[in-house]
Amino acid sequence: DILENKLLPLRRGYIGVVNRSQADIDGKKDIHAAMAAEKK
């Protein structure tokens, strides 16, 4: 409901992202791999 801009509507809407976890950062996870996992 949030991402479809129904709950608290914004004129420019919402965009969802999935960032690297702290464990991924500590494990030196590559950013490209993180973006691929986000897309998946």
All heavy atoms as atom14 arrays in JSON, in Angstrom:
{
  "sequence": "DILENKLLPLRRGYIGVVNRSQADIDGKKDIHAAMAAEKK",
  "atom14_mask": [
    [1, 1, 1, 1, 1, 1, 1, 1, 0, 0, 0, 0, 0, 0],
    [1, 1, 1, 1, 1, 1, 1, 1, 0, 0, 0, 0, 0, 0],
    [1, 1, 1, 1, 1, 1, 1, 1, 0, 0, 0, 0, 0, 0],
    [1, 1, 1, 1, 1, 1, 1, 1, 1, 0, 0, 0, 0, 0],
    [1, 1, 1, 1, 1, 1, 1, 1, 0, 0, 0, 0, 0, 0],
    [1, 1, 1, 1, 1, 1, 1, 1, 1, 0, 0, 0, 0, 0],
    [1, 1, 1, 1, 1, 1, 1, 1, 0, 0, 0, 0, 0, 0],
    [1, 1, 1, 1, 1, 1, 1, 1, 0, 0, 0, 0, 0, 0],
    [1, 1, 1, 1, 1, 1, 1, 0, 0, 0, 0, 0, 0, 0],
    [1, 1, 1, 1, 1, 1, 1, 1, 0, 0, 0, 0, 0, 0],
    [1, 1, 1, 1, 1, 1, 1, 1, 1, 1, 1, 0, 0, 0],
    [1, 1, 1, 1, 1, 1, 1, 1, 1, 1, 1, 0, 0, 0],
    [1, 1, 1, 1, 0, 0, 0, 0, 0, 0, 0, 0, 0, 0],
    [1, 1, 1, 1, 1, 1, 1, 1, 1, 1, 1, 1, 0, 0],
    [1, 1, 1, 1, 1, 1, 1, 1, 0, 0, 0, 0, 0, 0],
    [1, 1, 1, 1, 0, 0, 0, 0, 0, 0, 0, 0, 0, 0],
    [1, 1, 1, 1, 1, 1, 1, 0, 0, 0, 0, 0, 0, 0],
    [1, 1, 1, 1, 1, 1, 1, 0, 0, 0, 0, 0, 0, 0],
    [1, 1, 1, 1, 1, 1, 1, 1, 0, 0, 0, 0, 0, 0],
    [1, 1, 1, 1, 1, 1, 1, 1, 1, 1, 1, 0, 0, 0],
    [1, 1, 1, 1, 1, 1, 0, 0, 0, 0, 0, 0, 0, 0],
    [1, 1, 1, 1, 1, 1, 1, 1, 1, 0, 0, 0, 0, 0],
    [1, 1, 1, 1, 1, 0, 0, 0, 0, 0, 0, 0, 0, 0],
    [1, 1, 1, 1, 1, 1, 1, 1, 0, 0, 0, 0, 0, 0],
    [1, 1, 1, 1, 1, 1, 1, 1, 0, 0, 0, 0, 0, 0],
    [1, 1, 1, 1, 1, 1, 1, 1, 0, 0, 0, 0, 0, 0],
    [1, 1, 1, 1, 0, 0, 0, 0, 0, 0, 0, 0, 0, 0],
    [1, 1, 1, 1, 1, 1, 1, 1, 1, 0, 0, 0, 0, 0],
    [1, 1, 1, 1, 1, 1, 1, 1, 1, 0, 0, 0, 0, 0],
    [1, 1, 1, 1, 1, 1, 1, 1, 0, 0, 0, 0, 0, 0],
    [1, 1, 1, 1, 1, 1, 1, 1, 0, 0, 0, 0, 0, 0],
    [1, 1, 1, 1, 1, 1, 1, 1, 1, 1, 0, 0, 0, 0],
    [1, 1, 1, 1, 1, 0, 0, 0, 0, 0, 0, 0, 0, 0],
    [1, 1, 1, 1, 1, 0, 0, 0, 0, 0, 0, 0, 0, 0],
    [1, 1, 1, 1, 1, 1, 1, 1, 0, 0, 0, 0, 0, 0],
    [1, 1, 1, 1, 1, 0, 0, 0, 0, 0, 0, 0, 0, 0],
    [1, 1, 1, 1, 1, 0, 0, 0, 0, 0, 0, 0, 0, 0],
    [1, 1, 1, 1, 1, 1, 1, 1, 1, 0, 0, 0, 0, 0],
    [1, 1, 1, 1, 1, 1, 1, 1, 1, 0, 0, 0, 0, 0],
    [1, 1, 1, 1, 1, 1, 1, 1, 1, 0, 0, 0, 0, 0]
  ],
  "atom14_positions": [
    [[0.83, -1.21, 0.0], [0.0, 0.0, 0.0], [0.86, 1.26, 0.0], [0.48, 2.28, -0.61], [-0.92, 0.01, 1.22], [-2.03, -1.03, 1.11], [-2.26, -1.5, -0.01], [-2.63, -1.37, 2.15], [0.0, 0.0, 0.0], [0.0, 0.0, 0.0], [0.0, 0.0, 0.0], [0.0, 0.0, 0.0], [0.0, 0.0, 0.0], [0.0, 0.0, 0.0]],
    [[1.99, 1.19, 0.69], [2.88, 2.36, 0.72], [3.49, 2.59, -0.66], [3.47, 3.72, -1.18], [3.99, 2.16, 1.77], [3.38, 1.99, 3.16], [4.97, 3.32, 1.75], [4.41, 1.64, 4.23], [0.0, 0.0, 0.0], [0.0, 0.0, 0.0], [0.0, 0.0, 0.0], [0.0, 0.0, 0.0], [0.0, 0.0, 0.0], [0.0, 0.0, 0.0]],
    [[4.03, 1.52, -1.25], [4.73, 1.66, -2.53], [3.75, 2.01, -3.66], [4.17, 2.62, -4.66], [5.47, 0.36, -2.86], [6.59, 0.0, -1.87], [7.21, -1.35, -2.23], [7.67, 1.08, -1.84], [0.0, 0.0, 0.0], [0.0, 0.0, 0.0], [0.0, 0.0, 0.0], [0.0, 0.0, 0.0], [0.0, 0.0, 0.0], [0.0, 0.0, 0.0]],
    [[2.49, 1.63, -3.52], [1.48, 2.01, -4.52], [0.91, 3.39, -4.25], [-0.04, 3.82, -4.9], [0.36, 0.97, -4.53], [0.8, -0.38, -5.11], [-0.33, -1.4, -5.11], [-1.38, -1.13, -4.47], [-0.19, -2.46, -5.74], [0.0, 0.0, 0.0], [0.0, 0.0, 0.0], [0.0, 0.0, 0.0], [0.0, 0.0, 0.0], [0.0, 0.0, 0.0]],
    [[1.48, 4.06, -3.25], [1.12, 5.46, -2.93], [-0.33, 5.58, -2.48], [-1.02, 6.55, -2.79], [1.37, 6.38, -4.14], [1.68, 7.81, -3.72], [2.09, 8.06, -2.58], [1.5, 8.76, -4.62], [0.0, 0.0, 0.0], [0.0, 0.0, 0.0], [0.0, 0.0, 0.0], [0.0, 0.0, 0.0], [0.0, 0.0, 0.0], [0.0, 0.0, 0.0]],
    [[-0.79, 4.61, -1.69], [-2.16, 4.62, -1.21], [-2.26, 5.0, 0.26], [-3.25, 5.61, 0.67], [-2.8, 3.24, -1.41], [-2.97, 2.82, -2.86], [-3.59, 1.42, -2.95], [-3.77, 0.99, -4.41], [-4.34, -0.39, -4.49], [0.0, 0.0, 0.0], [0.0, 0.0, 0.0], [0.0, 0.0, 0.0], [0.0, 0.0, 0.0], [0.0, 0.0, 0.0]],
    [[-1.28, 4.64, 1.05], [-1.38, 4.85, 2.49], [-1.2, 6.31, 2.87], [-2.1, 6.95, 3.41], [-0.34, 3.98, 3.22], [-0.42, 4.0, 4.74], [-1.76, 3.49, 5.2], [0.71, 3.15, 5.35], [0.0, 0.0, 0.0], [0.0, 0.0, 0.0], [0.0, 0.0, 0.0], [0.0, 0.0, 0.0], [0.0, 0.0, 0.0], [0.0, 0.0, 0.0]],
    [[-0.05, 6.86, 2.59], [0.24, 8.3, 2.8], [0.74, 8.87, 1.48], [1.93, 8.91, 1.24], [1.28, 8.48, 3.91], [0.82, 8.19, 5.34], [2.0, 8.31, 6.31], [-0.29, 9.14, 5.76], [0.0, 0.0, 0.0], [0.0, 0.0, 0.0], [0.0, 0.0, 0.0], [0.0, 0.0, 0.0], [0.0, 0.0, 0.0], [0.0, 0.0, 0.0]],
    [[-0.16, 9.26, 0.6], [0.24, 9.64, -0.77], [1.22, 10.81, -0.8], [1.1, 11.77, -0.04], [-1.09, 10.02, -1.43], [-2.15, 9.4, -0.59], [-1.61, 9.38, 0.8], [0.0, 0.0, 0.0], [0.0, 0.0, 0.0], [0.0, 0.0, 0.0], [0.0, 0.0, 0.0], [0.0, 0.0, 0.0], [0.0, 0.0, 0.0], [0.0, 0.0, 0.0]],
    [[2.19, 10.68, -1.7], [3.11, 11.77, -2.02], [2.96, 12.08, -3.5], [2.73, 11.19, -4.32], [4.56, 11.38, -1.72], [4.98, 11.27, -0.25], [6.44, 10.84, -0.16], [4.79, 12.59, 0.48], [0.0, 0.0, 0.0], [0.0, 0.0, 0.0], [0.0, 0.0, 0.0], [0.0, 0.0, 0.0], [0.0, 0.0, 0.0], [0.0, 0.0, 0.0]],
    [[3.11, 13.33, -3.84], [2.96, 13.72, -5.24], [3.97, 13.01, -6.13], [3.65, 12.61, -7.26], [3.12, 15.24, -5.37], [2.99, 15.75, -6.79], [2.88, 17.25, -6.83], [1.68, 17.7, -6.12], [1.24, 18.96, -6.14], [1.9, 19.87, -6.82], [0.15, 19.3, -5.48], [0.0, 0.0, 0.0], [0.0, 0.0, 0.0], [0.0, 0.0, 0.0]],
    [[5.17, 12.81, -5.63], [6.21, 12.13, -6.42], [6.32, 10.64, -6.09], [7.16, 9.94, -6.65], [7.56, 12.81, -6.2], [7.59, 14.27, -6.66], [8.96, 14.89, -6.42], [8.99, 16.31, -6.75], [9.29, 16.81, -7.95], [9.57, 15.98, -8.93], [9.3, 18.11, -8.15], [0.0, 0.0, 0.0], [0.0, 0.0, 0.0], [0.0, 0.0, 0.0]],
    [[5.49, 10.15, -5.19], [5.43, 8.72, -4.91], [6.58, 8.19, -4.07], [7.42, 8.94, -3.57], [0.0, 0.0, 0.0], [0.0, 0.0, 0.0], [0.0, 0.0, 0.0], [0.0, 0.0, 0.0], [0.0, 0.0, 0.0], [0.0, 0.0, 0.0], [0.0, 0.0, 0.0], [0.0, 0.0, 0.0], [0.0, 0.0, 0.0], [0.0, 0.0, 0.0]],
    [[6.6, 6.85, -3.94], [7.6, 6.14, -3.15], [8.39, 5.18, -4.03], [7.86, 4.62, -5.0], [6.95, 5.34, -2.01], [6.26, 6.19, -0.98], [4.92, 6.57, -1.16], [6.91, 6.6, 0.17], [4.26, 7.33, -0.21], [6.26, 7.37, 1.13], [4.94, 7.72, 0.93], [4.3, 8.49, 1.88], [0.0, 0.0, 0.0], [0.0, 0.0, 0.0]],
    [[9.63, 4.96, -3.65], [10.48, 3.97, -4.33], [11.08, 3.07, -3.26], [11.64, 3.56, -2.27], [11.59, 4.66, -5.14], [10.99, 5.55, -6.21], [12.52, 3.61, -5.76], [12.01, 6.37, -6.98], [0.0, 0.0, 0.0], [0.0, 0.0, 0.0], [0.0, 0.0, 0.0], [0.0, 0.0, 0.0], [0.0, 0.0, 0.0], [0.0, 0.0, 0.0]],
    [[10.94, 1.77, -3.45], [11.5, 0.82, -2.5], [12.9, 0.39, -2.88], [13.2, 0.2, -4.07], [0.0, 0.0, 0.0], [0.0, 0.0, 0.0], [0.0, 0.0, 0.0], [0.0, 0.0, 0.0], [0.0, 0.0, 0.0], [0.0, 0.0, 0.0], [0.0, 0.0, 0.0], [0.0, 0.0, 0.0], [0.0, 0.0, 0.0], [0.0, 0.0, 0.0]],
    [[13.78, 0.21, -1.9], [15.15, -0.25, -2.13], [15.5, -1.29, -1.09], [14.93, -1.32, 0.01], [16.17, 0.92, -2.08], [15.9, 1.93, -3.17], [16.16, 1.59, -0.72], [0.0, 0.0, 0.0], [0.0, 0.0, 0.0], [0.0, 0.0, 0.0], [0.0, 0.0, 0.0], [0.0, 0.0, 0.0], [0.0, 0.0, 0.0], [0.0, 0.0, 0.0]],
    [[16.45, -2.14, -1.44], [16.99, -3.14, -0.5], [18.49, -2.94, -0.45], [19.2, -3.22, -1.43], [16.64, -4.58, -0.95], [17.28, -5.58, 0.0], [15.13, -4.76, -0.99], [0.0, 0.0, 0.0], [0.0, 0.0, 0.0], [0.0, 0.0, 0.0], [0.0, 0.0, 0.0], [0.0, 0.0, 0.0], [0.0, 0.0, 0.0], [0.0, 0.0, 0.0]],
    [[18.99, -2.43, 0.66], [20.42, -2.15, 0.8], [21.15, -3.37, 1.34], [20.54, -4.34, 1.82], [20.62, -0.96, 1.75], [20.03, 0.32, 1.17], [20.04, 0.53, -0.03], [19.5, 1.16, 2.05], [0.0, 0.0, 0.0], [0.0, 0.0, 0.0], [0.0, 0.0, 0.0], [0.0, 0.0, 0.0], [0.0, 0.0, 0.0], [0.0, 0.0, 0.0]],
    [[22.45, -3.27, 1.31], [23.27, -4.31, 1.9], [23.11, -4.3, 3.42], [22.98, -3.25, 4.03], [24.75, -4.11, 1.56], [25.09, -4.3, 0.09], [26.56, -4.06, -0.16], [26.94, -2.68, 0.18], [28.19, -2.27, 0.27], [29.18, -3.12, 0.08], [28.45, -1.01, 0.56], [0.0, 0.0, 0.0], [0.0, 0.0, 0.0], [0.0, 0.0, 0.0]],
    [[23.12, -5.46, 4.0], [23.08, -5.57, 5.45], [24.47, -5.29, 6.01], [25.47, -5.24, 5.28], [22.61, -6.95, 5.88], [23.57, -7.94, 5.48], [0.0, 0.0, 0.0], [0.0, 0.0, 0.0], [0.0, 0.0, 0.0], [0.0, 0.0, 0.0], [0.0, 0.0, 0.0], [0.0, 0.0, 0.0], [0.0, 0.0, 0.0], [0.0, 0.0, 0.0]],
    [[24.55, -5.14, 7.33], [25.86, -4.9, 7.95], [26.76, -6.12, 7.75], [27.98, -5.98, 7.59], [25.67, -4.6, 9.44], [26.94, -4.12, 10.14], [27.48, -2.83, 9.54], [26.72, -1.91, 9.26], [28.78, -2.78, 9.31], [0.0, 0.0, 0.0], [0.0, 0.0, 0.0], [0.0, 0.0, 0.0], [0.0, 0.0, 0.0], [0.0, 0.0, 0.0]],
    [[26.13, -7.28, 7.76], [26.93, -8.5, 7.52], [27.5, -8.5, 6.1], [28.65, -8.92, 5.89], [26.07, -9.74, 7.76], [0.0, 0.0, 0.0], [0.0, 0.0, 0.0], [0.0, 0.0, 0.0], [0.0, 0.0, 0.0], [0.0, 0.0, 0.0], [0.0, 0.0, 0.0], [0.0, 0.0, 0.0], [0.0, 0.0, 0.0], [0.0, 0.0, 0.0]],
    [[26.73, -8.03, 5.12], [27.23, -7.94, 3.74], [28.4, -6.96, 3.65], [29.37, -7.21, 2.94], [26.11, -7.49, 2.81], [25.0, -8.53, 2.69], [25.3, -9.72, 2.91], [23.85, -8.14, 2.38], [0.0, 0.0, 0.0], [0.0, 0.0, 0.0], [0.0, 0.0, 0.0], [0.0, 0.0, 0.0], [0.0, 0.0, 0.0], [0.0, 0.0, 0.0]],
    [[28.27, -5.84, 4.38], [29.35, -4.84, 4.34], [30.6, -5.39, 5.0], [31.72, -5.25, 4.47], [28.89, -3.55, 5.05], [27.72, -2.92, 4.29], [30.03, -2.55, 5.16], [27.1, -1.74, 4.98], [0.0, 0.0, 0.0], [0.0, 0.0, 0.0], [0.0, 0.0, 0.0], [0.0, 0.0, 0.0], [0.0, 0.0, 0.0], [0.0, 0.0, 0.0]],
    [[30.42, -6.04, 6.16], [31.58, -6.63, 6.84], [32.21, -7.73, 5.99], [33.43, -7.93, 6.03], [31.16, -7.19, 8.2], [30.68, -6.09, 9.16], [31.06, -4.91, 8.92], [29.93, -6.4, 10.1], [0.0, 0.0, 0.0], [0.0, 0.0, 0.0], [0.0, 0.0, 0.0], [0.0, 0.0, 0.0], [0.0, 0.0, 0.0], [0.0, 0.0, 0.0]],
    [[31.37, -8.43, 5.22], [31.9, -9.5, 4.36], [32.38, -9.01, 3.02], [32.65, -9.83, 2.12], [0.0, 0.0, 0.0], [0.0, 0.0, 0.0], [0.0, 0.0, 0.0], [0.0, 0.0, 0.0], [0.0, 0.0, 0.0], [0.0, 0.0, 0.0], [0.0, 0.0, 0.0], [0.0, 0.0, 0.0], [0.0, 0.0, 0.0], [0.0, 0.0, 0.0]],
    [[32.43, -7.66, 2.83], [32.93, -7.07, 1.58], [32.11, -7.5, 0.37], [32.65, -7.76, -0.72], [34.41, -7.43, 1.36], [35.33, -7.11, 2.51], [35.44, -5.62, 2.77], [36.43, -5.31, 3.9], [36.53, -3.86, 4.2], [0.0, 0.0, 0.0], [0.0, 0.0, 0.0], [0.0, 0.0, 0.0], [0.0, 0.0, 0.0], [0.0, 0.0, 0.0]],
    [[30.81, -7.58, 0.53], [29.97, -7.98, -0.59], [30.0, -6.9, -1.66], [29.84, -5.72, -1.38], [28.53, -8.2, -0.11], [27.6, -8.72, -1.2], [26.23, -9.03, -0.66], [25.31, -9.59, -1.73], [23.97, -9.92, -1.19], [0.0, 0.0, 0.0], [0.0, 0.0, 0.0], [0.0, 0.0, 0.0], [0.0, 0.0, 0.0], [0.0, 0.0, 0.0]],
    [[30.2, -7.3, -2.89], [30.32, -6.39, -4.01], [28.99, -5.66, -4.24], [27.9, -6.24, -4.1], [30.72, -7.16, -5.27], [30.88, -6.22, -6.45], [31.85, -5.43, -6.45], [30.02, -6.25, -7.34], [0.0, 0.0, 0.0], [0.0, 0.0, 0.0], [0.0, 0.0, 0.0], [0.0, 0.0, 0.0], [0.0, 0.0, 0.0], [0.0, 0.0, 0.0]],
    [[29.06, -4.37, -4.61], [27.86, -3.58, -4.8], [27.05, -4.11, -5.98], [25.81, -4.15, -5.94], [28.21, -2.1, -5.01], [28.85, -1.53, -3.73], [26.98, -1.29, -5.37], [29.24, -0.09, -3.84], [0.0, 0.0, 0.0], [0.0, 0.0, 0.0], [0.0, 0.0, 0.0], [0.0, 0.0, 0.0], [0.0, 0.0, 0.0], [0.0, 0.0, 0.0]],
    [[27.74, -4.52, -7.04], [27.03, -5.07, -8.19], [26.25, -6.32, -7.8], [25.11, -6.52, -8.23], [28.01, -5.39, -9.32], [28.61, -4.17, -9.95], [27.89, -3.34, -10.78], [29.86, -3.65, -9.86], [28.67, -2.35, -11.19], [29.87, -2.52, -10.65], [0.0, 0.0, 0.0], [0.0, 0.0, 0.0], [0.0, 0.0, 0.0], [0.0, 0.0, 0.0]],
    [[26.86, -7.16, -6.96], [26.16, -8.36, -6.48], [24.97, -7.97, -5.61], [23.9, -8.6, -5.67], [27.13, -9.25, -5.7], [0.0, 0.0, 0.0], [0.0, 0.0, 0.0], [0.0, 0.0, 0.0], [0.0, 0.0, 0.0], [0.0, 0.0, 0.0], [0.0, 0.0, 0.0], [0.0, 0.0, 0.0], [0.0, 0.0, 0.0], [0.0, 0.0, 0.0]],
    [[25.14, -6.91, -4.8], [24.03, -6.45, -3.96], [22.88, -5.94, -4.8], [21.7, -6.19, -4.5], [24.53, -5.37, -3.01], [0.0, 0.0, 0.0], [0.0, 0.0, 0.0], [0.0, 0.0, 0.0], [0.0, 0.0, 0.0], [0.0, 0.0, 0.0], [0.0, 0.0, 0.0], [0.0, 0.0, 0.0], [0.0, 0.0, 0.0], [0.0, 0.0, 0.0]],
    [[23.18, -5.22, -5.89], [22.12, -4.7, -6.75], [21.42, -5.83, -7.5], [20.21, -5.79, -7.74], [22.71, -3.69, -7.73], [23.22, -2.43, -7.03], [24.06, -1.28, -8.14], [22.71, -0.8, -9.2], [0.0, 0.0, 0.0], [0.0, 0.0, 0.0], [0.0, 0.0, 0.0], [0.0, 0.0, 0.0], [0.0, 0.0, 0.0], [0.0, 0.0, 0.0]],
    [[22.18, -6.88, -7.87], [21.57, -8.04, -8.52], [20.63, -8.75, -7.55], [19.52, -9.18, -7.92], [22.65, -8.99, -9.02], [0.0, 0.0, 0.0], [0.0, 0.0, 0.0], [0.0, 0.0, 0.0], [0.0, 0.0, 0.0], [0.0, 0.0, 0.0], [0.0, 0.0, 0.0], [0.0, 0.0, 0.0], [0.0, 0.0, 0.0], [0.0, 0.0, 0.0]],
    [[21.05, -8.88, -6.28], [20.2, -9.51, -5.28], [18.95, -8.67, -5.03], [17.85, -9.21, -4.8], [20.99, -9.7, -3.98], [0.0, 0.0, 0.0], [0.0, 0.0, 0.0], [0.0, 0.0, 0.0], [0.0, 0.0, 0.0], [0.0, 0.0, 0.0], [0.0, 0.0, 0.0], [0.0, 0.0, 0.0], [0.0, 0.0, 0.0], [0.0, 0.0, 0.0]],
    [[19.08, -7.36, -5.08], [17.94, -6.46, -4.89], [16.93, -6.67, -6.01], [15.72, -6.78, -5.77], [18.42, -5.02, -4.85], [17.31, -3.98, -4.72], [17.83, -2.55, -4.88], [18.59, -2.31, -5.85], [17.48, -1.69, -4.05], [0.0, 0.0, 0.0], [0.0, 0.0, 0.0], [0.0, 0.0, 0.0], [0.0, 0.0, 0.0], [0.0, 0.0, 0.0]],
    [[17.41, -6.75, -7.23], [16.53, -6.95, -8.37], [15.8, -8.28, -8.26], [14.58, -8.38, -8.53], [17.33, -6.88, -9.66], [16.49, -7.02, -10.92], [17.34, -6.88, -12.17], [16.49, -7.0, -13.43], [17.31, -6.86, -14.66], [0.0, 0.0, 0.0], [0.0, 0.0, 0.0], [0.0, 0.0, 0.0], [0.0, 0.0, 0.0], [0.0, 0.0, 0.0]],
    [[16.52, -9.32, -7.86], [15.93, -10.64, -7.71], [14.84, -10.62, -6.63], [13.79, -11.28, -6.77], [17.02, -11.65, -7.35], [16.5, -13.07, -7.18], [17.63, -14.03, -6.85], [17.11, -15.45, -6.66], [18.21, -16.39, -6.3], [0.0, 0.0, 0.0], [0.0, 0.0, 0.0], [0.0, 0.0, 0.0], [0.0, 0.0, 0.0], [0.0, 0.0, 0.0]]
  ]
}
